[in-house]
PDB file of all heavy atoms in Angstrom:
ATOM      1  N   ALA A   1      90.144 102.978  89.923  1.00  0.00           N
ATOM      2  CA  ALA A   1      89.057 102.022  89.741  1.00  0.00           C
ATOM      3  C   ALA A   1      87.755 102.566  90.314  1.00  0.00           C
ATOM      4  O   ALA A   1      86.684 102.407  89.715  1.00  0.00           O
ATOM      5  CB  ALA A   1      89.419 100.697  90.408  1.00  0.00           C
ATOM      6  N   ILE A   2      87.834 103.215  91.467  1.00  0.00           N
ATOM      7  CA  ILE A   2      86.643 103.816  92.072  1.00  0.00           C
ATOM      8  C   ILE A   2      86.106 104.924  91.172  1.00  0.00           C
ATOM      9  O   ILE A   2      84.886 105.031  90.935  1.00  0.00           O
ATOM     10  CB  ILE A   2      86.970 104.358  93.471  1.00  0.00           C
ATOM     11  CG1 ILE A   2      87.275 103.207  94.432  1.00  0.00           C
ATOM     12  CG2 ILE A   2      85.823 105.207  94.010  1.00  0.00           C
ATOM     13  CD1 ILE A   2      87.782 103.650  95.789  1.00  0.00           C
ATOM     14  N   ASP A   3      87.000 105.745  90.630  1.00  0.00           N
ATOM     15  CA  ASP A   3      86.585 106.856  89.768  1.00  0.00           C
ATOM     16  C   ASP A   3      85.884 106.365  88.501  1.00  0.00           C
ATOM     17  O   ASP A   3      85.004 107.047  87.963  1.00  0.00           O
ATOM     18  CB  ASP A   3      87.797 107.706  89.372  1.00  0.00           C
ATOM     19  CG  ASP A   3      88.353 108.512  90.541  1.00  0.00           C
ATOM     20  OD1 ASP A   3      87.611 108.708  91.525  1.00  0.00           O
ATOM     21  OD2 ASP A   3      89.515 108.931  90.458  1.00  0.00           O
ATOM     22  N   THR A   4      86.291 105.197  88.019  1.00  0.00           N
ATOM     23  CA  THR A   4      85.759 104.691  86.747  1.00  0.00           C
ATOM     24  C   THR A   4      84.725 103.583  86.923  1.00  0.00           C
ATOM     25  O   THR A   4      84.120 103.147  85.928  1.00  0.00           O
ATOM     26  CB  THR A   4      86.908 104.151  85.875  1.00  0.00           C
ATOM     27  OG1 THR A   4      87.627 103.133  86.605  1.00  0.00           O
ATOM     28  CG2 THR A   4      87.853 105.263  85.480  1.00  0.00           C
ATOM     29  N   GLY A   5      84.533 103.111  88.148  1.00  0.00           N
ATOM     30  CA  GLY A   5      83.588 102.026  88.379  1.00  0.00           C
ATOM     31  C   GLY A   5      84.093 100.682  87.901  1.00  0.00           C
ATOM     32  O   GLY A   5      83.305  99.778  87.610  1.00  0.00           O
ATOM     33  N   MET A   6      85.417 100.513  87.851  1.00  0.00           N
ATOM     34  CA  MET A   6      86.023  99.276  87.383  1.00  0.00           C
ATOM     35  C   MET A   6      86.535  98.439  88.564  1.00  0.00           C
ATOM     36  O   MET A   6      86.605  98.911  89.694  1.00  0.00           O
ATOM     37  CB  MET A   6      87.189  99.579  86.429  1.00  0.00           C
ATOM     38  CG  MET A   6      86.805 100.337  85.173  1.00  0.00           C
ATOM     39  SD  MET A   6      85.805  99.366  84.018  1.00  0.00           S
ATOM     40  CE  MET A   6      84.259 100.279  84.058  1.00  0.00           C
ATOM     41  N   ASN A   7      86.931  97.217  88.267  1.00  0.00           N
ATOM     42  CA  ASN A   7      87.519  96.333  89.260  1.00  0.00           C
ATOM     43  C   ASN A   7      88.938  96.795  89.592  1.00  0.00           C
ATOM     44  O   ASN A   7      89.739  97.047  88.690  1.00  0.00           O
ATOM     45  CB  ASN A   7      87.540  94.898  88.723  1.00  0.00           C
ATOM     46  CG  ASN A   7      88.207  93.917  89.660  1.00  0.00           C
ATOM     47  OD1 ASN A   7      89.423  93.759  89.624  1.00  0.00           O
ATOM     48  ND2 ASN A   7      87.408  93.268  90.486  1.00  0.00           N
ATOM     49  N   SER A   8      89.259  96.887  90.870  1.00  0.00           N
ATOM     50  CA  SER A   8      90.549  97.451  91.291  1.00  0.00           C
ATOM     51  C   SER A   8      91.732  96.623  90.796  1.00  0.00           C
ATOM     52  O   SER A   8      92.713  97.167  90.277  1.00  0.00           O
ATOM     53  CB  SER A   8      90.593  97.565  92.817  1.00  0.00           C
ATOM     54  OG  SER A   8      91.843  98.064  93.242  1.00  0.00           O
ATOM     55  N   ARG A   9      91.661  95.298  90.954  1.00  0.00           N
ATOM     56  CA  ARG A   9      92.779  94.446  90.547  1.00  0.00           C
ATOM     57  C   ARG A   9      92.967  94.490  89.032  1.00  0.00           C
ATOM     58  O   ARG A   9      94.095  94.573  88.526  1.00  0.00           O
ATOM     59  CB  ARG A   9      92.534  93.017  91.017  1.00  0.00           C
ATOM     60  CG  ARG A   9      93.676  92.051  90.708  1.00  0.00           C
ATOM     61  CD  ARG A   9      93.428  90.688  91.346  1.00  0.00           C
ATOM     62  NE  ARG A   9      94.471  89.746  90.996  1.00  0.00           N
ATOM     63  CZ  ARG A   9      95.656  89.658  91.589  1.00  0.00           C
ATOM     64  NH1 ARG A   9      95.942  90.483  92.583  1.00  0.00           N
ATOM     65  NH2 ARG A   9      96.545  88.762  91.209  1.00  0.00           N
ATOM     66  N   ALA A  10      91.860  94.456  88.303  1.00  0.00           N
ATOM     67  CA  ALA A  10      91.947  94.514  86.847  1.00  0.00           C
ATOM     68  C   ALA A  10      92.500  95.869  86.389  1.00  0.00           C
ATOM     69  O   ALA A  10      93.294  95.934  85.442  1.00  0.00           O
ATOM     70  CB  ALA A  10      90.571  94.263  86.228  1.00  0.00           C
ATOM     71  N   MET A  11      92.091  96.939  87.073  1.00  0.00           N
ATOM     72  CA  MET A  11      92.600  98.261  86.724  1.00  0.00           C
ATOM     73  C   MET A  11      94.106  98.340  86.937  1.00  0.00           C
ATOM     74  O   MET A  11      94.836  98.941  86.135  1.00  0.00           O
ATOM     75  CB  MET A  11      91.883  99.329  87.549  1.00  0.00           C
ATOM     76  CG  MET A  11      92.375 100.759  87.303  1.00  0.00           C
ATOM     77  SD  MET A  11      92.248 101.283  85.563  1.00  0.00           S
ATOM     78  CE  MET A  11      90.469 101.326  85.336  1.00  0.00           C
ATOM     79  N   TYR A  12      94.589  97.725  88.028  1.00  0.00           N
ATOM     80  CA  TYR A  12      96.033  97.739  88.286  1.00  0.00           C
ATOM     81  C   TYR A  12      96.782  97.053  87.150  1.00  0.00           C
ATOM     82  O   TYR A  12      97.818  97.532  86.692  1.00  0.00           O
ATOM     83  CB  TYR A  12      96.336  97.058  89.616  1.00  0.00           C
ATOM     84  CG  TYR A  12      97.810  97.021  89.948  1.00  0.00           C
ATOM     85  CD1 TYR A  12      98.515  98.199  90.212  1.00  0.00           C
ATOM     86  CD2 TYR A  12      98.500  95.810  89.977  1.00  0.00           C
ATOM     87  CE1 TYR A  12      99.871  98.170  90.504  1.00  0.00           C
ATOM     88  CE2 TYR A  12      99.860  95.772  90.261  1.00  0.00           C
ATOM     89  CZ  TYR A  12     100.539  96.956  90.523  1.00  0.00           C
ATOM     90  OH  TYR A  12     101.883  96.928  90.805  1.00  0.00           O
ATOM     91  N   ARG A  13      96.255  95.946  86.676  1.00  0.00           N
ATOM     92  CA  ARG A  13      96.926  95.227  85.594  1.00  0.00           C
ATOM     93  C   ARG A  13      96.908  96.045  84.310  1.00  0.00           C
ATOM     94  O   ARG A  13      97.885  96.061  83.546  1.00  0.00           O
ATOM     95  CB  ARG A  13      96.265  93.859  85.389  1.00  0.00           C
ATOM     96  CG  ARG A  13      96.476  92.905  86.558  1.00  0.00           C
ATOM     97  CD  ARG A  13      95.717  91.601  86.364  1.00  0.00           C
ATOM     98  NE  ARG A  13      96.280  90.819  85.284  1.00  0.00           N
ATOM     99  CZ  ARG A  13      97.309  89.965  85.423  1.00  0.00           C
ATOM    100  NH1 ARG A  13      97.890  89.816  86.600  1.00  0.00           N
ATOM    101  NH2 ARG A  13      97.753  89.280  84.400  1.00  0.00           N
ATOM    102  N   LEU A  14      95.793  96.736  84.041  1.00  0.00           N
ATOM    103  CA  LEU A  14      95.722  97.601  82.865  1.00  0.00           C
ATOM    104  C   LEU A  14      96.751  98.721  82.956  1.00  0.00           C
ATOM    105  O   LEU A  14      97.478  98.997  81.986  1.00  0.00           O
ATOM    106  CB  LEU A  14      94.322  98.189  82.719  1.00  0.00           C
ATOM    107  CG  LEU A  14      94.169  99.260  81.623  1.00  0.00           C
ATOM    108  CD1 LEU A  14      94.386  98.652  80.241  1.00  0.00           C
ATOM    109  CD2 LEU A  14      92.811  99.941  81.702  1.00  0.00           C
ATOM    110  N   LEU A  15      96.830  99.368  84.109  1.00  0.00           N
ATOM    111  CA  LEU A  15      97.762 100.481  84.278  1.00  0.00           C
ATOM    112  C   LEU A  15      99.209 100.011  84.186  1.00  0.00           C
ATOM    113  O   LEU A  15     100.062 100.714  83.624  1.00  0.00           O
ATOM    114  CB  LEU A  15      97.500 101.178  85.608  1.00  0.00           C
ATOM    115  CG  LEU A  15      96.166 101.928  85.690  1.00  0.00           C
ATOM    116  CD1 LEU A  15      95.858 102.328  87.126  1.00  0.00           C
ATOM    117  CD2 LEU A  15      96.164 103.152  84.783  1.00  0.00           C
ATOM    118  N   ARG A  16      99.502  98.835  84.723  1.00  0.00           N
ATOM    119  CA  ARG A  16     100.858  98.286  84.611  1.00  0.00           C
ATOM    120  C   ARG A  16     101.202  98.024  83.146  1.00  0.00           C
ATOM    121  O   ARG A  16     102.322  98.292  82.691  1.00  0.00           O
ATOM    122  CB  ARG A  16     100.978  96.981  85.412  1.00  0.00           C
ATOM    123  CG  ARG A  16     101.132  97.163  86.921  1.00  0.00           C
ATOM    124  CD  ARG A  16     102.477  97.737  87.309  1.00  0.00           C
ATOM    125  NE  ARG A  16     103.579  96.891  86.866  1.00  0.00           N
ATOM    126  CZ  ARG A  16     104.094  95.889  87.587  1.00  0.00           C
ATOM    127  NH1 ARG A  16     103.571  95.609  88.770  1.00  0.00           N
ATOM    128  NH2 ARG A  16     105.101  95.186  87.125  1.00  0.00           N
ATOM    129  N   ALA A  17     100.236  97.494  82.399  1.00  0.00           N
ATOM    130  CA  ALA A  17     100.473  97.229  80.979  1.00  0.00           C
ATOM    131  C   ALA A  17     100.733  98.526  80.232  1.00  0.00           C
ATOM    132  O   ALA A  17     101.657  98.618  79.408  1.00  0.00           O
ATOM    133  CB  ALA A  17      99.273  96.491  80.381  1.00  0.00           C
ATOM    134  N   LEU A  18      99.944  99.541  80.512  1.00  0.00           N
ATOM    135  CA  LEU A  18     100.132 100.831  79.846  1.00  0.00           C
ATOM    136  C   LEU A  18     101.448 101.475  80.250  1.00  0.00           C
ATOM    137  O   LEU A  18     102.130 102.092  79.428  1.00  0.00           O
ATOM    138  CB  LEU A  18      98.957 101.751  80.172  1.00  0.00           C
ATOM    139  CG  LEU A  18      97.617 101.351  79.536  1.00  0.00           C
ATOM    140  CD1 LEU A  18      96.469 102.117  80.167  1.00  0.00           C
ATOM    141  CD2 LEU A  18      97.653 101.587  78.027  1.00  0.00           C
ATOM    142  N   ALA A  19     101.810 101.343  81.517  1.00  0.00           N
ATOM    143  CA  ALA A  19     103.079 101.905  81.990  1.00  0.00           C
ATOM    144  C   ALA A  19     104.273 101.221  81.313  1.00  0.00           C
ATOM    145  O   ALA A  19     105.317 101.846  81.095  1.00  0.00           O
ATOM    146  CB  ALA A  19     103.177 101.778  83.507  1.00  0.00           C
ATOM    147  N   SER A  20     104.117  99.956  80.955  1.00  0.00           N
ATOM    148  CA  SER A  20     105.229  99.224  80.342  1.00  0.00           C
ATOM    149  C   SER A  20     105.587  99.767  78.965  1.00  0.00           C
ATOM    150  O   SER A  20     106.694  99.535  78.469  1.00  0.00           O
ATOM    151  CB  SER A  20     104.887  97.735  80.235  1.00  0.00           C
ATOM    152  OG  SER A  20     103.944  97.494  79.197  1.00  0.00           O
ATOM    153  N   VAL A  21     104.654 100.505  78.338  1.00  0.00           N
ATOM    154  CA  VAL A  21     104.935 101.090  77.020  1.00  0.00           C
ATOM    155  C   VAL A  21     104.954 102.617  77.084  1.00  0.00           C
ATOM    156  O   VAL A  21     104.889 103.291  76.054  1.00  0.00           O
ATOM    157  CB  VAL A  21     103.898 100.612  75.971  1.00  0.00           C
ATOM    158  CG1 VAL A  21     104.083  99.135  75.682  1.00  0.00           C
ATOM    159  CG2 VAL A  21     102.470 100.901  76.426  1.00  0.00           C
ATOM    160  N   GLY A  22     105.035 103.160  78.292  1.00  0.00           N
ATOM    161  CA  GLY A  22     105.209 104.600  78.440  1.00  0.00           C
ATOM    162  C   GLY A  22     103.942 105.409  78.556  1.00  0.00           C
ATOM    163  O   GLY A  22     104.002 106.642  78.651  1.00  0.00           O
ATOM    164  N   VAL A  23     102.787 104.744  78.510  1.00  0.00           N
ATOM    165  CA  VAL A  23     101.525 105.448  78.734  1.00  0.00           C
ATOM    166  C   VAL A  23     101.239 105.353  80.238  1.00  0.00           C
ATOM    167  O   VAL A  23     100.854 104.295  80.719  1.00  0.00           O
ATOM    168  CB  VAL A  23     100.369 104.827  77.932  1.00  0.00           C
ATOM    169  CG1 VAL A  23      99.086 105.637  78.125  1.00  0.00           C
ATOM    170  CG2 VAL A  23     100.726 104.740  76.457  1.00  0.00           C
ATOM    171  N   PHE A  24     101.446 106.426  80.962  1.00  0.00           N
ATOM    172  CA  PHE A  24     101.450 106.495  82.432  1.00  0.00           C
ATOM    173  C   PHE A  24     102.778 105.948  82.971  1.00  0.00           C
ATOM    174  O   PHE A  24     103.535 105.287  82.260  1.00  0.00           O
ATOM    175  CB  PHE A  24     100.265 105.750  83.061  1.00  0.00           C
ATOM    176  CG  PHE A  24      98.931 106.226  82.572  1.00  0.00           C
ATOM    177  CD1 PHE A  24      98.070 105.371  81.880  1.00  0.00           C
ATOM    178  CD2 PHE A  24      98.534 107.531  82.775  1.00  0.00           C
ATOM    179  CE1 PHE A  24      96.851 105.815  81.407  1.00  0.00           C
ATOM    180  CE2 PHE A  24      97.309 107.992  82.304  1.00  0.00           C
ATOM    181  CZ  PHE A  24      96.474 107.128  81.622  1.00  0.00           C
ATOM    182  N   ARG A  25     103.033 106.283  84.210  1.00  0.00           N
ATOM    183  CA  ARG A  25     104.263 105.868  84.881  1.00  0.00           C
ATOM    184  C   ARG A  25     103.897 105.421  86.296  1.00  0.00           C
ATOM    185  O   ARG A  25     103.168 106.117  87.007  1.00  0.00           O
ATOM    186  CB  ARG A  25     105.253 107.034  84.942  1.00  0.00           C
ATOM    187  CG  ARG A  25     106.594 106.684  85.585  1.00  0.00           C
ATOM    188  CD  ARG A  25     107.506 107.891  85.646  1.00  0.00           C
ATOM    189  NE  ARG A  25     107.825 108.414  84.318  1.00  0.00           N
ATOM    190  CZ  ARG A  25     107.362 109.561  83.825  1.00  0.00           C
ATOM    191  NH1 ARG A  25     106.562 110.328  84.565  1.00  0.00           N
ATOM    192  NH2 ARG A  25     107.686 109.969  82.614  1.00  0.00           N
TER     193      ARG A  25
END
């Protein structure tokens, strides 16, 4: 989130969603 200038909590939810379909782990 710091690297991208995004909200930390929102970024976590995005990454969890992507991880659920195999994009990131």
